[in-house]
Amino acid sequence: MAWRAVQVVARSKREMSALSSWRLYTYHRSRIAGSLPPAASRQLTRHVHNGPRETSNQPSISSPGSSRPYATVKAGVAFHNPASPASPSTATPAPPPLSILPMPSVLRSLLVTTISSSPILLGPALGVLSFLANSNSALLDPDRNVGLKCVLQRSLYDQFCAGETPTEARKCVQTLKNLGYSGVILGYSKEVVFNGTQEHSGTCEAALERENPKQIEAEIAAWKEGTLNTVEIAGDGGFVAVKFTGAGKQAIHHLLQGLPPSPALEQATIEICERARALNVRLLIDAEQQAVQRTIDDWTIEFQRRYNSSPNRPALVYGTYQAYLRSTPATLARHMAIASREGFVLGVKIVRGAYLGSEPRHLIWATKEETDWSYDSMAESLIKQTYGDVLKPYPSLSQTTETHYPHINLVLASHNRASVQKAQRIRDEQTRTGQKRIEMAYGQLLGMADDISCELLQNGKTAIAPGQLDSTVDVDKPKVYKAVVWGSVGECTKYLLRRGQENRDATLRTEDTRKAMAKELRRRLSGCS
């Protein structure tokens, strides 16, 4: 009996020891799984339950005092210990894209998008802004009325504009670069406004006759000086938006009549191009109304011939193509054929279009879906360097030589999330497979579509491959730019009015941004990281 009692006690001790070991194992396993991403937890579970472990070239670590298979995991996975610093290979959740924005920017964006996404609020706001922009009264001039200037500056101006002076504008450029942007697409706000009706009314020609040569020279000189200053501010790697109609009434007259630029305007443009090339700044020639656009295209191609001649250097001069026009795919194909034949780099900026309310309706696609289809198809063809259903090869300008796909540099200007994501998926796939990629950048307006811009910036950072704690995937790091103007508050009122009018046609888009800003504000107020 005594011997049987000893056996029972020994067996009980063994069972208690086994139970304790099992509890210790399950405790540590739960701690490991709790400190890992889901994919890593599944990987650990597979090691425990699926028999022999998969072979790995990585060193292993084991729980102290144990040689059991379940206690061995891949290097870089450690038991959770609140008292010890986190392992450098432990994956941490990425911060929200909008977390890089300063709080004043989030609050202003929320205010502006709340107004612009509401038709009830946007209509009266645009009415007031239009009244201010077109008034000749000193009382309603923000540059003379201190109180009015303060209201506009702290709301709309700070949201969409870079600054009143070159010093303020440079500070804005540097701030954006510090946030991760590659630079800015900078414009000068003081310009002659062309309303598109002068072609038929003859007002431009009549005004030109009233001006003497000195006045014409003064308009061109002011345009040149403002653009040169803008080139200086944009700085290395930046873009400058150039508006030919801003050079004065004579420039508008030549554009309407299909004439080449005057000698004075040509020389001014050459000086701008030379200065931009010296400072590594690229020039985006703005698209305008169809009454002048064909001539703008001709002038742009001529300056591309001069300054985009080296295929081993980025394009200096870019043309702008509006996807909402039915004629744009054929126009772009024709310019591509010219560039291919003559051997220069074609700089292309694609936009959806900014003159929907003033262009003849028959020139524009019937629906937004058709415009989206045109935009996305042209972008895909250019990024992949192929032709497709929309962008088709243009009949060769020379019957004796074969037309090859030209060298393309692309600026994809879009506030459409689907278009941007589609383009970036193509770029990421090209990066992973080692395909040749074109020079490309994204552009969004300062103060608009920040959720899209910040998401692009975040996607450019190193990404952790799903299910792999210690490896990364190759992704394209997008170059993201913010388009912005500089000038006094009074000079920028017409620019601000155009931004508001664009928002009126994009209520759904601004509603998405409003929701994103509201979510970011709630996150910050709740103290979440």
Foldseek 3Di string as FASTA:
>chain_A
DVVVVVVVVVVVVVVVVVVVVVVVLVVQLVQLLVQADPLVNVLLVCQVPVPHHDDDPADWDFDPPDDDSSRIDGPPRDGDDVVDDHRPLGDDDDDALCPLDDPLLLVLLLVVLVQLLDPVRLVVVLVVLVCLLPDPDLCSFLVNPVVNVVVCCSHLCVQFFQEADLVSNLVSQVSVVVSPFQGAAEEALFFDDDPPPCLPVVPLVVVVVVDDPVVLLVLQVVLLVRLLSRLVSRFAPEEYEHEQRRSDSVSVVCLLVLHADDPSNVVSVVVSLVSNVVRNYAYEYDADAPSRRVSSVVNQLVVQLVQQQDLVDDGRYAYEFALFFLCRLVVVLVSQLVCQVSVGEYEYEYDNDQPCPPHDPVRGDPDVVSSVVSLLQVLVCLFVVHADDRNDHHPHPDPPDDGGGHQYAYEYEDLDLVSVVVNQVVQFVCQQVVHDGHHYAYEYARNFSSSSQSVLQVVLDWDDDPSDSPDTGDGHNHNYYHYHYYHRPSSCSVVSSSVSVVSNVVSVSSVVVSVVSVVVVVCVVVPHD
